[in-house]
Amino acid sequence: MMETSVIVEKVDDFLIEEFEVEASEITPDANLKETLDLDSLDYVDLVVAIEATFGVKLIGDDFVGIESFQDFYNLIAHKVNT
């Protein structure tokens, strides 16, 4: 079982590096899509990175209802720990 804090740290590190976003902009309540300025190709990059980092598969339906960074962390934690 992977701790949520480890997941958050790995995700944040990746997002800061790949999406060139300031660490201060990544807060649990911040809007994921707006903060990262995601387009459809960015989502593909994000999915590939999560799969490579955590060894879990994400599909489009997984992103339904994902608004905040906290939602995203919860999604990954659920996938990793089931």
PDB file of N, CA and C in Angstrom:
ATOM      1  N   MET A   1       0.851  -1.187   0.000  1.00  0.00           N
ATOM      2  CA  MET A   1       0.000   0.000   0.000  1.00  0.00           C
ATOM      3  C   MET A   1       0.894   1.248   0.000  1.00  0.00           C
ATOM      4  N   MET A   2       0.625   2.144  -0.931  1.00  0.00           N
ATOM      5  CA  MET A   2       1.418   3.364  -1.028  1.00  0.00           C
ATOM      6  C   MET A   2       0.720   4.495  -0.278  1.00  0.00           C
ATOM      7  N   GLU A   3       1.487   5.182   0.544  1.00  0.00           N
ATOM      8  CA  GLU A   3       0.947   6.295   1.319  1.00  0.00           C
ATOM      9  C   GLU A   3       0.543   7.444   0.392  1.00  0.00           C
ATOM     10  N   THR A   4      -0.530   8.124   0.749  1.00  0.00           N
ATOM     11  CA  THR A   4      -1.004   9.249  -0.045  1.00  0.00           C
ATOM     12  C   THR A   4       0.053  10.336  -0.154  1.00  0.00           C
ATOM     13  N   SER A   5       0.795  10.562   0.913  1.00  0.00           N
ATOM     14  CA  SER A   5       1.828  11.607   0.881  1.00  0.00           C
ATOM     15  C   SER A   5       2.908  11.305  -0.164  1.00  0.00           C
ATOM     16  N   VAL A   6       3.228  10.034  -0.354  1.00  0.00           N
ATOM     17  CA  VAL A   6       4.211   9.637  -1.359  1.00  0.00           C
ATOM     18  C   VAL A   6       3.641   9.878  -2.758  1.00  0.00           C
ATOM     19  N   ILE A   7       2.378   9.538  -2.938  1.00  0.00           N
ATOM     20  CA  ILE A   7       1.707   9.754  -4.218  1.00  0.00           C
ATOM     21  C   ILE A   7       1.688  11.240  -4.553  1.00  0.00           C
ATOM     22  N   VAL A   8       1.289  12.061  -3.596  1.00  0.00           N
ATOM     23  CA  VAL A   8       1.221  13.514  -3.798  1.00  0.00           C
ATOM     24  C   VAL A   8       2.591  14.061  -4.187  1.00  0.00           C
ATOM     25  N   GLU A   9       3.631  13.632  -3.484  1.00  0.00           N
ATOM     26  CA  GLU A   9       4.978  14.126  -3.766  1.00  0.00           C
ATOM     27  C   GLU A   9       5.430  13.739  -5.179  1.00  0.00           C
ATOM     28  N   LYS A  10       5.211  12.488  -5.561  1.00  0.00           N
ATOM     29  CA  LYS A  10       5.611  12.032  -6.896  1.00  0.00           C
ATOM     30  C   LYS A  10       4.832  12.758  -7.991  1.00  0.00           C
ATOM     31  N   VAL A  11       3.535  12.911  -7.798  1.00  0.00           N
ATOM     32  CA  VAL A  11       2.699  13.594  -8.787  1.00  0.00           C
ATOM     33  C   VAL A  11       3.126  15.052  -8.910  1.00  0.00           C
ATOM     34  N   ASP A  12       3.271  15.718  -7.785  1.00  0.00           N
ATOM     35  CA  ASP A  12       3.660  17.132  -7.814  1.00  0.00           C
ATOM     36  C   ASP A  12       5.012  17.328  -8.490  1.00  0.00           C
ATOM     37  N   ASP A  13       5.980  16.473  -8.157  1.00  0.00           N
ATOM     38  CA  ASP A  13       7.308  16.585  -8.771  1.00  0.00           C
ATOM     39  C   ASP A  13       7.207  16.465 -10.288  1.00  0.00           C
ATOM     40  N   PHE A  14       6.426  15.502 -10.753  1.00  0.00           N
ATOM     41  CA  PHE A  14       6.256  15.312 -12.192  1.00  0.00           C
ATOM     42  C   PHE A  14       5.588  16.528 -12.828  1.00  0.00           C
ATOM     43  N   LEU A  15       4.510  17.003 -12.206  1.00  0.00           N
ATOM     44  CA  LEU A  15       3.770  18.133 -12.772  1.00  0.00           C
ATOM     45  C   LEU A  15       4.625  19.390 -12.848  1.00  0.00           C
ATOM     46  N   ILE A  16       5.411  19.631 -11.813  1.00  0.00           N
ATOM     47  CA  ILE A  16       6.277  20.813 -11.788  1.00  0.00           C
ATOM     48  C   ILE A  16       7.287  20.730 -12.935  1.00  0.00           C
ATOM     49  N   GLU A  17       7.858  19.549 -13.132  1.00  0.00           N
ATOM     50  CA  GLU A  17       8.878  19.382 -14.169  1.00  0.00           C
ATOM     51  C   GLU A  17       8.281  19.380 -15.573  1.00  0.00           C
ATOM     52  N   GLU A  18       7.252  18.587 -15.795  1.00  0.00           N
ATOM     53  CA  GLU A  18       6.709  18.395 -17.137  1.00  0.00           C
ATOM     54  C   GLU A  18       5.798  19.528 -17.610  1.00  0.00           C
ATOM     55  N   PHE A  19       5.039  20.103 -16.704  1.00  0.00           N
ATOM     56  CA  PHE A  19       4.078  21.139 -17.088  1.00  0.00           C
ATOM     57  C   PHE A  19       4.563  22.537 -16.725  1.00  0.00           C
ATOM     58  N   GLU A  20       5.781  22.618 -16.195  1.00  0.00           N
ATOM     59  CA  GLU A  20       6.411  23.893 -15.858  1.00  0.00           C
ATOM     60  C   GLU A  20       5.482  24.805 -15.063  1.00  0.00           C
ATOM     61  N   VAL A  21       4.886  24.211 -14.041  1.00  0.00           N
ATOM     62  CA  VAL A  21       3.991  24.956 -13.162  1.00  0.00           C
ATOM     63  C   VAL A  21       4.727  25.189 -11.838  1.00  0.00           C
ATOM     64  N   GLU A  22       4.443  26.313 -11.228  1.00  0.00           N
ATOM     65  CA  GLU A  22       5.058  26.632  -9.935  1.00  0.00           C
ATOM     66  C   GLU A  22       4.467  25.742  -8.846  1.00  0.00           C
ATOM     67  N   ALA A  23       5.309  25.286  -7.954  1.00  0.00           N
ATOM     68  CA  ALA A  23       4.854  24.434  -6.851  1.00  0.00           C
ATOM     69  C   ALA A  23       3.750  25.117  -6.038  1.00  0.00           C
ATOM     70  N   SER A  24       3.844  26.434  -5.896  1.00  0.00           N
ATOM     71  CA  SER A  24       2.857  27.174  -5.105  1.00  0.00           C
ATOM     72  C   SER A  24       1.461  27.151  -5.725  1.00  0.00           C
ATOM     73  N   GLU A  25       1.389  26.863  -7.035  1.00  0.00           N
ATOM     74  CA  GLU A  25       0.092  26.805  -7.714  1.00  0.00           C
ATOM     75  C   GLU A  25      -0.618  25.472  -7.493  1.00  0.00           C
ATOM     76  N   ILE A  26       0.133  24.467  -7.076  1.00  0.00           N
ATOM     77  CA  ILE A  26      -0.440  23.138  -6.874  1.00  0.00           C
ATOM     78  C   ILE A  26      -0.903  23.016  -5.433  1.00  0.00           C
ATOM     79  N   THR A  27      -2.189  23.193  -5.247  1.00  0.00           N
ATOM     80  CA  THR A  27      -2.799  23.026  -3.931  1.00  0.00           C
ATOM     81  C   THR A  27      -3.943  22.031  -4.072  1.00  0.00           C
ATOM     82  N   PRO A  28      -4.302  21.353  -2.997  1.00  0.00           N
ATOM     83  CA  PRO A  28      -5.359  20.336  -3.104  1.00  0.00           C
ATOM     84  C   PRO A  28      -6.657  20.847  -3.718  1.00  0.00           C
ATOM     85  N   ASP A  29      -7.010  22.101  -3.457  1.00  0.00           N
ATOM     86  CA  ASP A  29      -8.283  22.644  -3.944  1.00  0.00           C
ATOM     87  C   ASP A  29      -8.199  23.291  -5.319  1.00  0.00           C
ATOM     88  N   ALA A  30      -6.987  23.481  -5.843  1.00  0.00           N
ATOM     89  CA  ALA A  30      -6.829  24.136  -7.147  1.00  0.00           C
ATOM     90  C   ALA A  30      -7.398  23.264  -8.262  1.00  0.00           C
ATOM     91  N   ASN A  31      -7.908  23.920  -9.299  1.00  0.00           N
ATOM     92  CA  ASN A  31      -8.471  23.203 -10.442  1.00  0.00           C
ATOM     93  C   ASN A  31      -7.333  22.626 -11.284  1.00  0.00           C
ATOM     94  N   LEU A  32      -7.347  21.320 -11.463  1.00  0.00           N
ATOM     95  CA  LEU A  32      -6.288  20.616 -12.181  1.00  0.00           C
ATOM     96  C   LEU A  32      -6.143  21.109 -13.615  1.00  0.00           C
ATOM     97  N   LYS A  33      -7.240  21.132 -14.350  1.00  0.00           N
ATOM     98  CA  LYS A  33      -7.199  21.487 -15.769  1.00  0.00           C
ATOM     99  C   LYS A  33      -6.775  22.942 -15.968  1.00  0.00           C
ATOM    100  N   GLU A  34      -7.327  23.848 -15.186  1.00  0.00           N
ATOM    101  CA  GLU A  34      -6.996  25.268 -15.337  1.00  0.00           C
ATOM    102  C   GLU A  34      -5.557  25.567 -14.905  1.00  0.00           C
ATOM    103  N   THR A  35      -5.134  24.997 -13.788  1.00  0.00           N
ATOM    104  CA  THR A  35      -3.795  25.269 -13.271  1.00  0.00           C
ATOM    105  C   THR A  35      -2.727  24.773 -14.235  1.00  0.00           C
ATOM    106  N   LEU A  36      -2.949  23.593 -14.808  1.00  0.00           N
ATOM    107  CA  LEU A  36      -1.962  23.008 -15.715  1.00  0.00           C
ATOM    108  C   LEU A  36      -2.198  23.404 -17.165  1.00  0.00           C
ATOM    109  N   ASP A  37      -3.315  24.087 -17.426  1.00  0.00           N
ATOM    110  CA  ASP A  37      -3.680  24.494 -18.780  1.00  0.00           C
ATOM    111  C   ASP A  37      -3.671  23.285 -19.722  1.00  0.00           C
ATOM    112  N   LEU A  38      -4.403  22.236 -19.303  1.00  0.00           N
ATOM    113  CA  LEU A  38      -4.391  20.963 -20.019  1.00  0.00           C
ATOM    114  C   LEU A  38      -5.244  20.993 -21.277  1.00  0.00           C
ATOM    115  N   ASP A  39      -4.675  20.450 -22.360  1.00  0.00           N
ATOM    116  CA  ASP A  39      -5.462  20.159 -23.556  1.00  0.00           C
ATOM    117  C   ASP A  39      -5.462  18.631 -23.724  1.00  0.00           C
ATOM    118  N   SER A  40      -6.085  18.140 -24.778  1.00  0.00           N
ATOM    119  CA  SER A  40      -6.229  16.694 -24.915  1.00  0.00           C
ATOM    120  C   SER A  40      -4.883  15.975 -25.011  1.00  0.00           C
ATOM    121  N   LEU A  41      -3.908  16.581 -25.669  1.00  0.00           N
ATOM    122  CA  LEU A  41      -2.590  15.958 -25.766  1.00  0.00           C
ATOM    123  C   LEU A  41      -1.900  15.922 -24.406  1.00  0.00           C
ATOM    124  N   ASP A  42      -2.102  16.967 -23.611  1.00  0.00           N
ATOM    125  CA  ASP A  42      -1.530  16.999 -22.259  1.00  0.00           C
ATOM    126  C   ASP A  42      -2.090  15.871 -21.400  1.00  0.00           C
ATOM    127  N   TYR A  43      -3.379  15.571 -21.571  1.00  0.00           N
ATOM    128  CA  TYR A  43      -3.975  14.470 -20.813  1.00  0.00           C
ATOM    129  C   TYR A  43      -3.293  13.149 -21.169  1.00  0.00           C
ATOM    130  N   VAL A  44      -2.968  12.966 -22.437  1.00  0.00           N
ATOM    131  CA  VAL A  44      -2.272  11.749 -22.865  1.00  0.00           C
ATOM    132  C   VAL A  44      -0.908  11.679 -22.170  1.00  0.00           C
ATOM    133  N   ASP A  45      -0.183  12.780 -22.169  1.00  0.00           N
ATOM    134  CA  ASP A  45       1.115  12.833 -21.494  1.00  0.00           C
ATOM    135  C   ASP A  45       0.971  12.524 -20.008  1.00  0.00           C
ATOM    136  N   LEU A  46      -0.058  13.065 -19.410  1.00  0.00           N
ATOM    137  CA  LEU A  46      -0.313  12.861 -17.994  1.00  0.00           C
ATOM    138  C   LEU A  46      -0.596  11.386 -17.700  1.00  0.00           C
ATOM    139  N   VAL A  47      -1.427  10.769 -18.525  1.00  0.00           N
ATOM    140  CA  VAL A  47      -1.777   9.356 -18.346  1.00  0.00           C
ATOM    141  C   VAL A  47      -0.540   8.471 -18.510  1.00  0.00           C
ATOM    142  N   VAL A  48       0.257   8.743 -19.530  1.00  0.00           N
ATOM    143  CA  VAL A  48       1.475   7.961 -19.765  1.00  0.00           C
ATOM    144  C   VAL A  48       2.426   8.083 -18.570  1.00  0.00           C
ATOM    145  N   ALA A  49       2.587   9.285 -18.059  1.00  0.00           N
ATOM    146  CA  ALA A  49       3.482   9.504 -16.923  1.00  0.00           C
ATOM    147  C   ALA A  49       2.988   8.790 -15.669  1.00  0.00           C
ATOM    148  N   ILE A  50       1.692   8.832 -15.433  1.00  0.00           N
ATOM    149  CA  ILE A  50       1.133   8.154 -14.253  1.00  0.00           C
ATOM    150  C   ILE A  50       1.310   6.654 -14.390  1.00  0.00           C
ATOM    151  N   GLU A  51       1.062   6.129 -15.585  1.00  0.00           N
ATOM    152  CA  GLU A  51       1.243   4.696 -15.812  1.00  0.00           C
ATOM    153  C   GLU A  51       2.704   4.292 -15.594  1.00  0.00           C
ATOM    154  N   ALA A  52       3.637   5.105 -16.090  1.00  0.00           N
ATOM    155  CA  ALA A  52       5.064   4.799 -15.942  1.00  0.00           C
ATOM    156  C   ALA A  52       5.519   4.910 -14.487  1.00  0.00           C
ATOM    157  N   THR A  53       5.007   5.901 -13.789  1.00  0.00           N
ATOM    158  CA  THR A  53       5.437   6.151 -12.419  1.00  0.00           C
ATOM    159  C   THR A  53       4.827   5.171 -11.427  1.00  0.00           C
ATOM    160  N   PHE A  54       3.536   4.893 -11.595  1.00  0.00           N
ATOM    161  CA  PHE A  54       2.825   4.098 -10.599  1.00  0.00           C
ATOM    162  C   PHE A  54       2.415   2.704 -11.077  1.00  0.00           C
ATOM    163  N   GLY A  55       2.567   2.425 -12.367  1.00  0.00           N
ATOM    164  CA  GLY A  55       2.205   1.109 -12.880  1.00  0.00           C
ATOM    165  C   GLY A  55       0.713   0.837 -12.903  1.00  0.00           C
ATOM    166  N   VAL A  56      -0.086   1.888 -13.039  1.00  0.00           N
ATOM    167  CA  VAL A  56      -1.542   1.732 -13.102  1.00  0.00           C
ATOM    168  C   VAL A  56      -2.059   2.296 -14.418  1.00  0.00           C
ATOM    169  N   LYS A  57      -3.141   1.746 -14.893  1.00  0.00           N
ATOM    170  CA  LYS A  57      -3.772   2.205 -16.134  1.00  0.00           C
ATOM    171  C   LYS A  57      -4.867   3.203 -15.802  1.00  0.00           C
ATOM    172  N   LEU A  58      -4.889   4.304 -16.553  1.00  0.00           N
ATOM    173  CA  LEU A  58      -5.961   5.285 -16.447  1.00  0.00           C
ATOM    174  C   LEU A  58      -6.668   5.352 -17.794  1.00  0.00           C
ATOM    175  N   ILE A  59      -7.978   5.484 -17.762  1.00  0.00           N
ATOM    176  CA  ILE A  59      -8.752   5.650 -18.986  1.00  0.00           C
ATOM    177  C   ILE A  59      -9.525   6.958 -18.896  1.00  0.00           C
ATOM    178  N   GLY A  60     -10.075   7.379 -20.016  1.00  0.00           N
ATOM    179  CA  GLY A  60     -10.802   8.647 -20.055  1.00  0.00           C
ATOM    180  C   GLY A  60     -11.881   8.762 -19.004  1.00  0.00           C
ATOM    181  N   ASP A  61     -12.621   7.667 -18.789  1.00  0.00           N
ATOM    182  CA  ASP A  61     -13.700   7.703 -17.803  1.00  0.00           C
ATOM    183  C   ASP A  61     -13.197   7.963 -16.386  1.00  0.00           C
ATOM    184  N   ASP A  62     -11.938   7.637 -16.119  1.00  0.00           N
ATOM    185  CA  ASP A  62     -11.370   7.896 -14.791  1.00  0.00           C
ATOM    186  C   ASP A  62     -11.354   9.383 -14.471  1.00  0.00           C
ATOM    187  N   PHE A  63     -11.309  10.214 -15.509  1.00  0.00           N
ATOM    188  CA  PHE A  63     -11.206  11.656 -15.300  1.00  0.00           C
ATOM    189  C   PHE A  63     -12.558  12.344 -15.120  1.00  0.00           C
ATOM    190  N   VAL A  64     -13.641  11.597 -15.277  1.00  0.00           N
ATOM    191  CA  VAL A  64     -14.968  12.164 -15.052  1.00  0.00           C
ATOM    192  C   VAL A  64     -15.069  12.543 -13.568  1.00  0.00           C
ATOM    193  N   GLY A  65     -15.372  13.790 -13.319  1.00  0.00           N
ATOM    194  CA  GLY A  65     -15.507  14.259 -11.942  1.00  0.00           C
ATOM    195  C   GLY A  65     -14.206  14.699 -11.306  1.00  0.00           C
ATOM    196  N   ILE A  66     -13.105  14.589 -12.026  1.00  0.00           N
ATOM    197  CA  ILE A  66     -11.815  15.041 -11.487  1.00  0.00           C
ATOM    198  C   ILE A  66     -11.686  16.536 -11.767  1.00  0.00           C
ATOM    199  N   GLU A  67     -11.777  17.303 -10.724  1.00  0.00           N
ATOM    200  CA  GLU A  67     -11.692  18.760 -10.863  1.00  0.00           C
ATOM    201  C   GLU A  67     -10.437  19.309 -10.192  1.00  0.00           C
ATOM    202  N   SER A  68     -10.193  18.871  -8.974  1.00  0.00           N
ATOM    203  CA  SER A  68      -9.091  19.436  -8.195  1.00  0.00           C
ATOM    204  C   SER A  68      -7.892  18.490  -8.166  1.00  0.00           C
ATOM    205  N   PHE A  69      -6.782  19.018  -7.696  1.00  0.00           N
ATOM    206  CA  PHE A  69      -5.613  18.168  -7.513  1.00  0.00           C
ATOM    207  C   PHE A  69      -5.919  17.068  -6.507  1.00  0.00           C
ATOM    208  N   GLN A  70      -6.683  17.388  -5.464  1.00  0.00           N
ATOM    209  CA  GLN A  70      -7.036  16.370  -4.472  1.00  0.00           C
ATOM    210  C   GLN A  70      -7.831  15.230  -5.115  1.00  0.00           C
ATOM    211  N   ASP A  71      -8.760  15.565  -6.013  1.00  0.00           N
ATOM    212  CA  ASP A  71      -9.497  14.522  -6.743  1.00  0.00           C
ATOM    213  C   ASP A  71      -8.524  13.625  -7.509  1.00  0.00           C
ATOM    214  N   PHE A  72      -7.542  14.243  -8.135  1.00  0.00           N
ATOM    215  CA  PHE A  72      -6.565  13.506  -8.927  1.00  0.00           C
ATOM    216  C   PHE A  72      -5.707  12.600  -8.038  1.00  0.00           C
ATOM    217  N   TYR A  73      -5.253  13.139  -6.892  1.00  0.00           N
ATOM    218  CA  TYR A  73      -4.483  12.325  -5.953  1.00  0.00           C
ATOM    219  C   TYR A  73      -5.312  11.129  -5.483  1.00  0.00           C
ATOM    220  N   ASN A  74      -6.571  11.383  -5.173  1.00  0.00           N
ATOM    221  CA  ASN A  74      -7.456  10.311  -4.703  1.00  0.00           C
ATOM    222  C   ASN A  74      -7.633   9.231  -5.767  1.00  0.00           C
ATOM    223  N   LEU A  75      -7.780   9.644  -7.015  1.00  0.00           N
ATOM    224  CA  LEU A  75      -7.913   8.693  -8.119  1.00  0.00           C
ATOM    225  C   LEU A  75      -6.676   7.792  -8.188  1.00  0.00           C
ATOM    226  N   ILE A  76      -5.506   8.393  -8.154  1.00  0.00           N
ATOM    227  CA  ILE A  76      -4.274   7.613  -8.259  1.00  0.00           C
ATOM    228  C   ILE A  76      -4.119   6.708  -7.043  1.00  0.00           C
ATOM    229  N   ALA A  77      -4.393   7.217  -5.859  1.00  0.00           N
ATOM    230  CA  ALA A  77      -4.281   6.406  -4.642  1.00  0.00           C
ATOM    231  C   ALA A  77      -5.218   5.199  -4.728  1.00  0.00           C
ATOM    232  N   HIS A  78      -6.428   5.428  -5.215  1.00  0.00           N
ATOM    233  CA  HIS A  78      -7.390   4.326  -5.364  1.00  0.00           C
ATOM    234  C   HIS A  78      -6.862   3.270  -6.338  1.00  0.00           C
ATOM    235  N   LYS A  79      -6.335   3.724  -7.472  1.00  0.00           N
ATOM    236  CA  LYS A  79      -5.810   2.796  -8.486  1.00  0.00           C
ATOM    237  C   LYS A  79      -4.591   2.020  -7.964  1.00  0.00           C
ATOM    238  N   VAL A  80      -3.704   2.725  -7.289  1.00  0.00           N
ATOM    239  CA  VAL A  80      -2.460   2.120  -6.799  1.00  0.00           C
ATOM    240  C   VAL A  80      -2.755   1.108  -5.691  1.00  0.00           C
ATOM    241  N   ASN A  81      -3.693   1.434  -4.842  1.00  0.00           N
ATOM    242  CA  ASN A  81      -3.922   0.636  -3.637  1.00  0.00           C
ATOM    243  C   ASN A  81      -5.058  -0.376  -3.762  1.00  0.00           C
ATOM    244  N   THR A  82      -5.510  -0.664  -4.982  1.00  0.00           N
ATOM    245  CA  THR A  82      -6.542  -1.697  -5.144  1.00  0.00           C
ATOM    246  C   THR A  82      -6.023  -2.831  -5.995  1.00  0.00           C
TER     247      THR A  82
END
